Amino acid sequence: MRDKMEKELKAELLETLELRFNKNPQRHSGLDWKLVLEKLEAKPSLLDSLFLMEETGGEPDVVIFNSSTEEFSFVDCSKESPIGRRSFCYDQEALEARKKFKPANSAMALAQEMGVELLNEVQYKELQELGEFDLKTSSWIITPPAIRNLGGALFCDRRYDHVFTYHNGADSYYAARGFRAILSL
């Protein structure tokens, strides 16, 4: 019974991903879904991560950041930061440092559990060239060690038709701040 259910979930996920892929060609110009499907079939473990990206509200789609290579990634393309990944502080160290009102998890820990990574600043800005994201929310991004070692962490959003990068204490968390994931193939 479980195998049948897993096959049905896999088929549903692949159908959802293909529909989103076909609906948003500007995110992956010139790429054929068959190539994406081949890569996914070659590494079936990636489907578990994609399922979690979808289940937490990320609406993953194929994005090409570097058109000179054949590399592409699945990135959260939900209009706002994925709802199932909000209200987390930045990392486990920040979570453990909180004395009161601890969030349920940290962005970095959940990303690791999901088998994905947070976007870095360059990737976040490139994603924003493909659409308008985080108009009401914000998303944690990979923070350079020099900033993190001083207790800070970075996040981004889009306001006033401009992409902003900000800083906050790594232990902070807000209902409107989550994280966007990337899964490279």
N, C-alpha and C. Protein backbone atom coordinates (compact mmCIF):
# COMPACT_ATOMS: atom_id res chain seq x y z
N MET A 1 0.82 -1.20 0.00
CA MET A 1 0.00 0.00 0.00
C MET A 1 0.86 1.26 0.00
N ARG A 2 1.93 1.24 0.83
CA ARG A 2 2.79 2.42 0.93
C ARG A 2 3.46 2.74 -0.41
N ASP A 3 3.95 1.70 -1.12
CA ASP A 3 4.59 1.91 -2.42
C ASP A 3 3.64 2.57 -3.40
N LYS A 4 2.38 2.13 -3.38
CA LYS A 4 1.38 2.69 -4.28
C LYS A 4 1.17 4.17 -3.96
N MET A 5 1.09 4.49 -2.66
CA MET A 5 0.89 5.87 -2.23
C MET A 5 2.11 6.72 -2.61
N GLU A 6 3.30 6.19 -2.40
CA GLU A 6 4.52 6.91 -2.76
C GLU A 6 4.58 7.17 -4.26
N LYS A 7 4.18 6.18 -5.06
CA LYS A 7 4.16 6.37 -6.51
C LYS A 7 3.16 7.45 -6.90
N GLU A 8 1.99 7.46 -6.25
CA GLU A 8 0.98 8.48 -6.54
C GLU A 8 1.47 9.87 -6.14
N LEU A 9 2.10 9.98 -4.97
CA LEU A 9 2.65 11.28 -4.53
C LEU A 9 3.74 11.76 -5.48
N LYS A 10 4.60 10.85 -5.91
CA LYS A 10 5.68 11.18 -6.84
C LYS A 10 5.09 11.67 -8.16
N ALA A 11 4.09 10.95 -8.66
CA ALA A 11 3.46 11.34 -9.92
C ALA A 11 2.79 12.71 -9.79
N GLU A 12 2.10 12.95 -8.67
CA GLU A 12 1.46 14.25 -8.43
C GLU A 12 2.50 15.38 -8.37
N LEU A 13 3.59 15.13 -7.67
CA LEU A 13 4.65 16.14 -7.56
C LEU A 13 5.24 16.44 -8.93
N LEU A 14 5.57 15.43 -9.69
CA LEU A 14 6.15 15.65 -11.02
C LEU A 14 5.18 16.39 -11.93
N GLU A 15 3.90 16.07 -11.81
CA GLU A 15 2.89 16.78 -12.62
C GLU A 15 2.83 18.26 -12.23
N THR A 16 2.85 18.53 -10.93
CA THR A 16 2.83 19.91 -10.44
C THR A 16 4.06 20.67 -10.92
N LEU A 17 5.22 20.04 -10.81
CA LEU A 17 6.47 20.67 -11.23
C LEU A 17 6.47 20.95 -12.74
N GLU A 18 5.99 19.99 -13.52
CA GLU A 18 5.95 20.19 -14.97
C GLU A 18 4.98 21.31 -15.36
N LEU A 19 3.82 21.36 -14.72
CA LEU A 19 2.86 22.44 -15.00
C LEU A 19 3.46 23.80 -14.68
N ARG A 20 4.13 23.91 -13.53
CA ARG A 20 4.76 25.18 -13.15
C ARG A 20 5.89 25.54 -14.11
N PHE A 21 6.66 24.54 -14.51
CA PHE A 21 7.74 24.73 -15.47
C PHE A 21 7.20 25.31 -16.78
N ASN A 22 6.12 24.72 -17.28
CA ASN A 22 5.54 25.16 -18.56
C ASN A 22 4.87 26.53 -18.45
N LYS A 23 4.37 26.86 -17.28
CA LYS A 23 3.68 28.14 -17.08
C LYS A 23 4.65 29.31 -16.96
N ASN A 24 5.91 29.05 -16.61
CA ASN A 24 6.89 30.11 -16.33
C ASN A 24 8.18 29.94 -17.13
N PRO A 25 8.11 29.97 -18.46
CA PRO A 25 9.31 29.73 -19.27
C PRO A 25 10.41 30.78 -19.10
N GLN A 26 10.08 31.97 -18.62
CA GLN A 26 11.09 33.02 -18.44
C GLN A 26 12.11 32.65 -17.36
N ARG A 27 11.78 31.69 -16.53
CA ARG A 27 12.70 31.28 -15.46
C ARG A 27 13.78 30.32 -15.96
N HIS A 28 13.54 29.70 -17.12
CA HIS A 28 14.46 28.66 -17.62
C HIS A 28 14.43 28.62 -19.15
N SER A 29 14.64 29.74 -19.75
CA SER A 29 14.57 29.89 -21.20
C SER A 29 15.44 28.87 -21.93
N GLY A 30 14.82 28.17 -22.88
CA GLY A 30 15.54 27.23 -23.72
C GLY A 30 15.73 25.85 -23.12
N LEU A 31 15.28 25.64 -21.91
CA LEU A 31 15.44 24.34 -21.26
C LEU A 31 14.22 23.47 -21.53
N ASP A 32 14.44 22.20 -21.81
CA ASP A 32 13.37 21.25 -22.09
C ASP A 32 13.06 20.45 -20.82
N TRP A 33 11.78 20.29 -20.51
CA TRP A 33 11.37 19.55 -19.32
C TRP A 33 11.94 18.13 -19.33
N LYS A 34 12.10 17.53 -20.49
CA LYS A 34 12.62 16.16 -20.57
C LYS A 34 14.00 16.05 -19.93
N LEU A 35 14.84 17.06 -20.12
CA LEU A 35 16.18 17.06 -19.52
C LEU A 35 16.07 17.14 -17.99
N VAL A 36 15.15 17.97 -17.51
CA VAL A 36 14.93 18.09 -16.06
C VAL A 36 14.48 16.74 -15.51
N LEU A 37 13.52 16.13 -16.18
CA LEU A 37 12.99 14.84 -15.74
C LEU A 37 14.08 13.78 -15.73
N GLU A 38 14.94 13.77 -16.73
CA GLU A 38 16.05 12.81 -16.77
C GLU A 38 16.95 12.98 -15.54
N LYS A 39 17.27 14.22 -15.21
CA LYS A 39 18.14 14.48 -14.04
C LYS A 39 17.46 14.04 -12.75
N LEU A 40 16.15 14.29 -12.65
CA LEU A 40 15.42 13.86 -11.45
C LEU A 40 15.35 12.34 -11.35
N GLU A 41 15.15 11.69 -12.47
CA GLU A 41 15.08 10.22 -12.46
C GLU A 41 16.44 9.61 -12.15
N ALA A 42 17.52 10.30 -12.51
CA ALA A 42 18.87 9.81 -12.21
C ALA A 42 19.20 9.94 -10.73
N LYS A 43 18.53 10.87 -10.04
CA LYS A 43 18.75 11.09 -8.60
C LYS A 43 17.39 11.18 -7.90
N PRO A 44 16.72 10.04 -7.70
CA PRO A 44 15.38 10.06 -7.12
C PRO A 44 15.31 10.66 -5.71
N SER A 45 16.44 10.70 -5.01
CA SER A 45 16.43 11.28 -3.65
C SER A 45 16.10 12.77 -3.68
N LEU A 46 16.34 13.43 -4.83
CA LEU A 46 16.02 14.86 -4.95
C LEU A 46 14.52 15.10 -4.83
N LEU A 47 13.72 14.10 -5.18
CA LEU A 47 12.27 14.26 -5.10
C LEU A 47 11.80 14.46 -3.66
N ASP A 48 12.50 13.84 -2.71
CA ASP A 48 12.14 14.03 -1.30
C ASP A 48 12.30 15.50 -0.91
N SER A 49 13.40 16.10 -1.33
CA SER A 49 13.63 17.51 -1.03
C SER A 49 12.62 18.39 -1.74
N LEU A 50 12.34 18.09 -3.00
CA LEU A 50 11.36 18.86 -3.75
C LEU A 50 9.97 18.74 -3.14
N PHE A 51 9.64 17.55 -2.65
CA PHE A 51 8.36 17.35 -1.99
C PHE A 51 8.26 18.26 -0.76
N LEU A 52 9.32 18.33 0.02
CA LEU A 52 9.32 19.18 1.21
C LEU A 52 9.27 20.66 0.84
N MET A 53 9.94 21.04 -0.23
CA MET A 53 9.87 22.43 -0.69
C MET A 53 8.42 22.77 -1.06
N GLU A 54 7.78 21.86 -1.76
CA GLU A 54 6.38 22.07 -2.18
C GLU A 54 5.45 22.06 -0.97
N GLU A 55 5.63 21.09 -0.11
CA GLU A 55 4.74 20.92 1.06
C GLU A 55 4.78 22.12 2.01
N THR A 56 5.92 22.80 2.09
CA THR A 56 6.04 23.96 2.98
C THR A 56 5.70 25.28 2.28
N GLY A 57 5.18 25.19 1.05
CA GLY A 57 4.69 26.38 0.37
C GLY A 57 5.67 27.08 -0.53
N GLY A 58 6.76 26.43 -0.90
CA GLY A 58 7.79 27.09 -1.70
C GLY A 58 7.50 27.24 -3.18
N GLU A 59 6.61 26.40 -3.70
CA GLU A 59 6.33 26.42 -5.14
C GLU A 59 7.62 26.37 -5.97
N PRO A 60 8.43 25.32 -5.79
CA PRO A 60 9.71 25.24 -6.49
C PRO A 60 9.54 25.18 -8.00
N ASP A 61 10.44 25.86 -8.70
CA ASP A 61 10.48 25.82 -10.15
C ASP A 61 11.94 25.82 -10.59
N VAL A 62 12.17 25.40 -11.80
CA VAL A 62 13.51 25.36 -12.35
C VAL A 62 13.94 26.78 -12.70
N VAL A 63 15.12 27.14 -12.24
CA VAL A 63 15.68 28.47 -12.49
C VAL A 63 17.09 28.28 -13.03
N ILE A 64 17.43 29.04 -14.06
CA ILE A 64 18.79 29.04 -14.59
C ILE A 64 19.43 30.35 -14.18
N PHE A 65 20.45 30.28 -13.36
CA PHE A 65 21.17 31.48 -12.94
C PHE A 65 22.34 31.77 -13.87
N ASN A 66 22.93 30.73 -14.44
CA ASN A 66 24.09 30.91 -15.29
C ASN A 66 23.81 30.24 -16.63
N SER A 67 23.45 31.03 -17.63
CA SER A 67 23.07 30.47 -18.93
C SER A 67 24.27 29.94 -19.71
N SER A 68 25.49 30.23 -19.29
CA SER A 68 26.67 29.74 -20.02
C SER A 68 27.01 28.30 -19.64
N THR A 69 26.40 27.78 -18.59
CA THR A 69 26.60 26.38 -18.21
C THR A 69 25.27 25.66 -18.35
N GLU A 70 25.31 24.36 -18.23
CA GLU A 70 24.07 23.59 -18.30
C GLU A 70 23.51 23.35 -16.92
N GLU A 71 23.96 24.09 -15.94
CA GLU A 71 23.48 23.91 -14.58
C GLU A 71 22.16 24.64 -14.37
N PHE A 72 21.29 23.98 -13.66
CA PHE A 72 20.04 24.62 -13.27
C PHE A 72 19.67 24.12 -11.89
N SER A 73 18.76 24.83 -11.27
CA SER A 73 18.37 24.52 -9.90
C SER A 73 16.88 24.66 -9.76
N PHE A 74 16.33 24.01 -8.75
CA PHE A 74 14.98 24.29 -8.31
C PHE A 74 15.09 25.33 -7.21
N VAL A 75 14.28 26.37 -7.30
CA VAL A 75 14.28 27.46 -6.33
C VAL A 75 12.84 27.75 -5.94
N ASP A 76 12.63 28.14 -4.69
CA ASP A 76 11.29 28.55 -4.25
C ASP A 76 10.86 29.78 -5.02
N CYS A 77 9.75 29.68 -5.71
CA CYS A 77 9.24 30.81 -6.51
C CYS A 77 7.87 31.27 -6.02
N SER A 78 7.53 30.93 -4.78
CA SER A 78 6.27 31.43 -4.21
C SER A 78 6.36 32.95 -4.12
N LYS A 79 5.23 33.61 -4.28
CA LYS A 79 5.20 35.08 -4.27
C LYS A 79 5.81 35.63 -2.98
N GLU A 80 5.46 35.04 -1.86
CA GLU A 80 6.00 35.45 -0.56
C GLU A 80 6.85 34.32 0.01
N SER A 81 7.63 34.63 1.02
CA SER A 81 8.47 33.62 1.66
C SER A 81 7.59 32.44 2.07
N PRO A 82 8.01 31.20 1.81
CA PRO A 82 7.16 30.04 2.05
C PRO A 82 6.56 30.02 3.46
N ILE A 83 5.26 29.91 3.52
CA ILE A 83 4.54 30.02 4.79
C ILE A 83 4.93 28.93 5.79
N GLY A 84 5.28 27.77 5.31
CA GLY A 84 5.67 26.68 6.20
C GLY A 84 7.09 26.77 6.71
N ARG A 85 7.78 27.87 6.36
CA ARG A 85 9.17 28.06 6.78
C ARG A 85 9.39 29.45 7.35
N ARG A 86 8.41 29.96 8.04
CA ARG A 86 8.53 31.29 8.64
C ARG A 86 8.62 31.17 10.17
N SER A 87 8.97 32.29 10.79
CA SER A 87 9.08 32.37 12.25
C SER A 87 10.22 31.51 12.80
N PHE A 88 11.32 31.46 12.07
CA PHE A 88 12.50 30.76 12.52
C PHE A 88 13.64 31.75 12.65
N CYS A 89 14.50 31.54 13.65
CA CYS A 89 15.72 32.33 13.72
C CYS A 89 16.69 31.78 12.66
N TYR A 90 17.88 32.36 12.58
CA TYR A 90 18.77 32.03 11.47
C TYR A 90 19.37 30.62 11.56
N ASP A 91 20.05 30.30 12.67
CA ASP A 91 20.73 29.00 12.75
C ASP A 91 20.60 28.40 14.15
N GLN A 92 21.13 27.19 14.30
CA GLN A 92 21.01 26.46 15.55
C GLN A 92 21.68 27.19 16.72
N GLU A 93 22.83 27.79 16.45
CA GLU A 93 23.53 28.56 17.50
C GLU A 93 22.64 29.68 18.03
N ALA A 94 21.97 30.38 17.13
CA ALA A 94 21.06 31.47 17.54
C ALA A 94 19.88 30.91 18.31
N LEU A 95 19.36 29.78 17.87
CA LEU A 95 18.22 29.15 18.56
C LEU A 95 18.60 28.77 19.98
N GLU A 96 19.76 28.18 20.14
CA GLU A 96 20.21 27.76 21.46
C GLU A 96 20.53 28.95 22.37
N ALA A 97 20.91 30.07 21.79
CA ALA A 97 21.25 31.25 22.57
C ALA A 97 20.02 31.96 23.14
N ARG A 98 18.87 31.74 22.55
CA ARG A 98 17.65 32.41 23.04
C ARG A 98 17.27 31.83 24.39
N LYS A 99 17.02 32.70 25.33
CA LYS A 99 16.62 32.26 26.67
C LYS A 99 15.10 32.15 26.78
N LYS A 100 14.38 33.05 26.11
CA LYS A 100 12.91 33.07 26.18
C LYS A 100 12.32 33.05 24.78
N PHE A 101 11.10 32.57 24.70
CA PHE A 101 10.32 32.62 23.47
C PHE A 101 11.07 32.05 22.27
N LYS A 102 11.60 30.86 22.45
CA LYS A 102 12.34 30.23 21.36
C LYS A 102 11.40 29.85 20.22
N PRO A 103 11.83 30.08 18.96
CA PRO A 103 11.03 29.60 17.83
C PRO A 103 11.12 28.08 17.75
N ALA A 104 10.32 27.50 16.90
CA ALA A 104 10.27 26.04 16.78
C ALA A 104 11.54 25.46 16.17
N ASN A 105 12.24 26.25 15.36
CA ASN A 105 13.41 25.73 14.66
C ASN A 105 14.22 26.90 14.12
N SER A 106 15.30 26.59 13.44
CA SER A 106 16.09 27.63 12.76
C SER A 106 16.03 27.37 11.25
N ALA A 107 16.24 28.41 10.48
CA ALA A 107 16.21 28.30 9.02
C ALA A 107 17.29 27.32 8.53
N MET A 108 18.49 27.47 9.04
CA MET A 108 19.58 26.61 8.58
C MET A 108 19.34 25.13 8.94
N ALA A 109 18.82 24.88 10.13
CA ALA A 109 18.57 23.49 10.55
C ALA A 109 17.47 22.86 9.69
N LEU A 110 16.40 23.61 9.45
CA LEU A 110 15.32 23.06 8.62
C LEU A 110 15.79 22.83 7.19
N ALA A 111 16.58 23.76 6.66
CA ALA A 111 17.11 23.58 5.31
C ALA A 111 17.93 22.29 5.23
N GLN A 112 18.75 22.07 6.23
CA GLN A 112 19.57 20.84 6.25
C GLN A 112 18.67 19.61 6.32
N GLU A 113 17.64 19.64 7.16
CA GLU A 113 16.70 18.52 7.26
C GLU A 113 16.02 18.25 5.92
N MET A 114 15.75 19.32 5.17
CA MET A 114 15.07 19.20 3.89
C MET A 114 16.02 18.80 2.76
N GLY A 115 17.33 18.89 2.99
CA GLY A 115 18.30 18.57 1.96
C GLY A 115 18.47 19.67 0.93
N VAL A 116 18.27 20.93 1.38
CA VAL A 116 18.38 22.10 0.50
C VAL A 116 19.30 23.12 1.15
N GLU A 117 19.52 24.23 0.44
CA GLU A 117 20.31 25.33 0.99
C GLU A 117 19.51 26.61 0.91
N LEU A 118 19.86 27.57 1.74
CA LEU A 118 19.30 28.91 1.62
C LEU A 118 19.93 29.58 0.41
N LEU A 119 19.21 30.51 -0.20
CA LEU A 119 19.80 31.30 -1.28
C LEU A 119 20.88 32.20 -0.71
N ASN A 120 21.88 32.49 -1.52
CA ASN A 120 22.83 33.52 -1.12
C ASN A 120 22.35 34.85 -1.69
N GLU A 121 23.05 35.92 -1.41
CA GLU A 121 22.59 37.25 -1.82
C GLU A 121 22.53 37.39 -3.34
N VAL A 122 23.52 36.87 -4.03
CA VAL A 122 23.54 36.97 -5.50
C VAL A 122 22.36 36.18 -6.09
N GLN A 123 22.14 34.98 -5.60
CA GLN A 123 21.03 34.16 -6.10
C GLN A 123 19.69 34.83 -5.83
N TYR A 124 19.55 35.42 -4.65
CA TYR A 124 18.30 36.10 -4.30
C TYR A 124 18.04 37.24 -5.28
N LYS A 125 19.05 38.04 -5.55
CA LYS A 125 18.88 39.17 -6.47
C LYS A 125 18.61 38.70 -7.89
N GLU A 126 19.24 37.61 -8.31
CA GLU A 126 18.97 37.06 -9.63
C GLU A 126 17.55 36.52 -9.73
N LEU A 127 17.07 35.91 -8.66
CA LEU A 127 15.68 35.44 -8.64
C LEU A 127 14.73 36.62 -8.83
N GLN A 128 15.03 37.73 -8.19
CA GLN A 128 14.17 38.91 -8.29
C GLN A 128 14.13 39.48 -9.71
N GLU A 129 15.11 39.14 -10.53
CA GLU A 129 15.08 39.57 -11.93
C GLU A 129 14.07 38.77 -12.75
N LEU A 130 13.62 37.63 -12.20
CA LEU A 130 12.68 36.76 -12.89
C LEU A 130 11.24 37.00 -12.47
N GLY A 131 11.03 37.86 -11.50
CA GLY A 131 9.69 38.15 -10.99
C GLY A 131 9.79 39.04 -9.78
N GLU A 132 8.66 39.30 -9.16
CA GLU A 132 8.64 40.11 -7.94
C GLU A 132 8.26 39.21 -6.77
N PHE A 133 9.20 39.03 -5.86
CA PHE A 133 9.03 38.14 -4.73
C PHE A 133 9.24 38.90 -3.42
N ASP A 134 8.63 38.41 -2.36
CA ASP A 134 8.77 38.98 -1.01
C ASP A 134 8.37 40.46 -0.97
N LEU A 135 7.19 40.75 -1.47
CA LEU A 135 6.68 42.12 -1.42
C LEU A 135 6.10 42.44 -0.04
N LYS A 136 5.72 41.41 0.72
CA LYS A 136 5.17 41.60 2.07
C LYS A 136 5.95 40.83 3.13
N THR A 137 6.82 39.95 2.69
CA THR A 137 7.60 39.12 3.61
C THR A 137 9.08 39.37 3.36
N SER A 138 9.92 38.66 4.07
CA SER A 138 11.37 38.71 3.84
C SER A 138 11.92 37.29 4.00
N SER A 139 13.15 37.10 3.52
CA SER A 139 13.75 35.77 3.54
C SER A 139 15.20 35.83 4.02
N TRP A 140 15.52 34.97 4.99
CA TRP A 140 16.91 34.81 5.41
C TRP A 140 17.73 34.37 4.21
N ILE A 141 18.97 34.81 4.12
CA ILE A 141 19.90 34.35 3.09
C ILE A 141 21.19 33.89 3.77
N ILE A 142 22.01 33.17 3.03
CA ILE A 142 23.31 32.74 3.57
C ILE A 142 24.09 33.98 4.02
N THR A 143 24.57 33.90 5.23
CA THR A 143 25.28 35.03 5.83
C THR A 143 26.78 34.75 5.88
N PRO A 144 27.60 35.69 5.43
CA PRO A 144 29.05 35.49 5.50
C PRO A 144 29.51 35.27 6.95
N PRO A 145 30.50 34.40 7.15
CA PRO A 145 30.99 34.11 8.50
C PRO A 145 31.38 35.36 9.30
N ALA A 146 31.96 36.35 8.66
CA ALA A 146 32.40 37.55 9.38
C ALA A 146 31.22 38.25 10.05
N ILE A 147 30.08 38.25 9.41
CA ILE A 147 28.87 38.86 10.00
C ILE A 147 28.28 37.93 11.04
N ARG A 148 28.20 36.64 10.70
CA ARG A 148 27.58 35.68 11.63
C ARG A 148 28.39 35.57 12.92
N ASN A 149 29.71 35.63 12.83
CA ASN A 149 30.56 35.53 14.02
C ASN A 149 30.34 36.68 15.00
N LEU A 150 29.80 37.78 14.50
CA LEU A 150 29.49 38.93 15.36
C LEU A 150 28.05 38.92 15.85
N GLY A 151 27.32 37.83 15.54
CA GLY A 151 25.95 37.69 16.03
C GLY A 151 24.86 38.09 15.05
N GLY A 152 25.25 38.53 13.87
CA GLY A 152 24.27 38.99 12.89
C GLY A 152 23.93 37.96 11.84
N ALA A 153 22.89 38.26 11.07
CA ALA A 153 22.50 37.45 9.93
C ALA A 153 21.81 38.36 8.92
N LEU A 154 21.82 37.94 7.66
CA LEU A 154 21.27 38.76 6.58
C LEU A 154 19.93 38.22 6.10
N PHE A 155 19.09 39.14 5.64
CA PHE A 155 17.84 38.76 4.99
C PHE A 155 17.54 39.78 3.90
N CYS A 156 16.67 39.41 2.99
CA CYS A 156 16.33 40.28 1.85
C CYS A 156 14.82 40.36 1.67
N ASP A 157 14.40 41.40 0.97
CA ASP A 157 13.03 41.53 0.52
C ASP A 157 12.99 42.48 -0.66
N ARG A 158 11.79 42.71 -1.17
CA ARG A 158 11.61 43.65 -2.27
C ARG A 158 10.56 44.68 -1.85
N ARG A 159 10.98 45.94 -1.84
CA ARG A 159 10.07 47.04 -1.52
C ARG A 159 10.38 48.19 -2.47
N TYR A 160 9.38 48.97 -2.78
CA TYR A 160 9.57 50.16 -3.63
C TYR A 160 10.26 49.82 -4.95
N ASP A 161 9.94 48.64 -5.48
CA ASP A 161 10.52 48.17 -6.74
C ASP A 161 12.04 48.08 -6.67
N HIS A 162 12.56 47.73 -5.49
CA HIS A 162 14.00 47.59 -5.27
C HIS A 162 14.24 46.41 -4.34
N VAL A 163 15.32 45.68 -4.56
CA VAL A 163 15.69 44.56 -3.70
C VAL A 163 16.65 45.07 -2.63
N PHE A 164 16.30 44.82 -1.38
CA PHE A 164 17.11 45.28 -0.26
C PHE A 164 17.72 44.10 0.49
N THR A 165 18.92 44.31 0.99
CA THR A 165 19.57 43.37 1.89
C THR A 165 19.72 44.08 3.23
N TYR A 166 19.30 43.40 4.29
CA TYR A 166 19.33 43.97 5.63
C TYR A 166 20.09 43.03 6.57
N HIS A 167 20.23 43.48 7.79
CA HIS A 167 20.83 42.66 8.83
C HIS A 167 19.93 42.67 10.06
N ASN A 168 20.08 41.64 10.86
CA ASN A 168 19.34 41.53 12.12
C ASN A 168 20.15 40.59 13.01
N GLY A 169 19.82 40.56 14.28
CA GLY A 169 20.44 39.56 15.14
C GLY A 169 20.01 38.18 14.65
N ALA A 170 20.93 37.24 14.61
CA ALA A 170 20.62 35.91 14.10
C ALA A 170 19.56 35.21 14.93
N ASP A 171 19.37 35.65 16.18
CA ASP A 171 18.37 35.00 17.03
C ASP A 171 16.98 35.60 16.87
N SER A 172 16.84 36.63 16.02
CA SER A 172 15.52 37.23 15.82
C SER A 172 14.67 36.33 14.93
N TYR A 173 13.37 36.47 15.08
CA TYR A 173 12.45 35.76 14.19
C TYR A 173 11.14 36.52 14.14
N TYR A 174 10.52 36.46 12.98
CA TYR A 174 9.29 37.20 12.74
C TYR A 174 8.32 36.35 11.93
N ALA A 175 7.05 36.59 12.12
CA ALA A 175 6.02 35.83 11.40
C ALA A 175 6.10 36.04 9.89
N ALA A 176 6.67 37.14 9.46
CA ALA A 176 6.77 37.43 8.02
C ALA A 176 8.15 37.15 7.46
N ARG A 177 9.04 36.51 8.22
CA ARG A 177 10.36 36.18 7.70
C ARG A 177 10.55 34.67 7.67
N GLY A 178 10.90 34.17 6.51
CA GLY A 178 11.18 32.76 6.35
C GLY A 178 12.48 32.58 5.59
N PHE A 179 12.52 31.58 4.74
CA PHE A 179 13.68 31.41 3.87
C PHE A 179 13.27 30.74 2.58
N ARG A 180 13.99 31.10 1.53
CA ARG A 180 13.82 30.49 0.22
C ARG A 180 14.94 29.48 0.02
N ALA A 181 14.58 28.33 -0.53
CA ALA A 181 15.54 27.25 -0.70
C ALA A 181 15.96 27.10 -2.15
N ILE A 182 17.14 26.52 -2.31
CA ILE A 182 17.65 26.15 -3.63
C ILE A 182 18.12 24.70 -3.57
N LEU A 183 17.80 23.98 -4.64
CA LEU A 183 18.21 22.59 -4.78
C LEU A 183 18.85 22.47 -6.15
N SER A 184 20.15 22.31 -6.17
CA SER A 184 20.87 22.26 -7.44
C SER A 184 20.91 20.84 -7.97
N LEU A 185 20.75 20.72 -9.29
CA LEU A 185 20.76 19.40 -9.93
C LEU A 185 22.10 19.15 -10.60
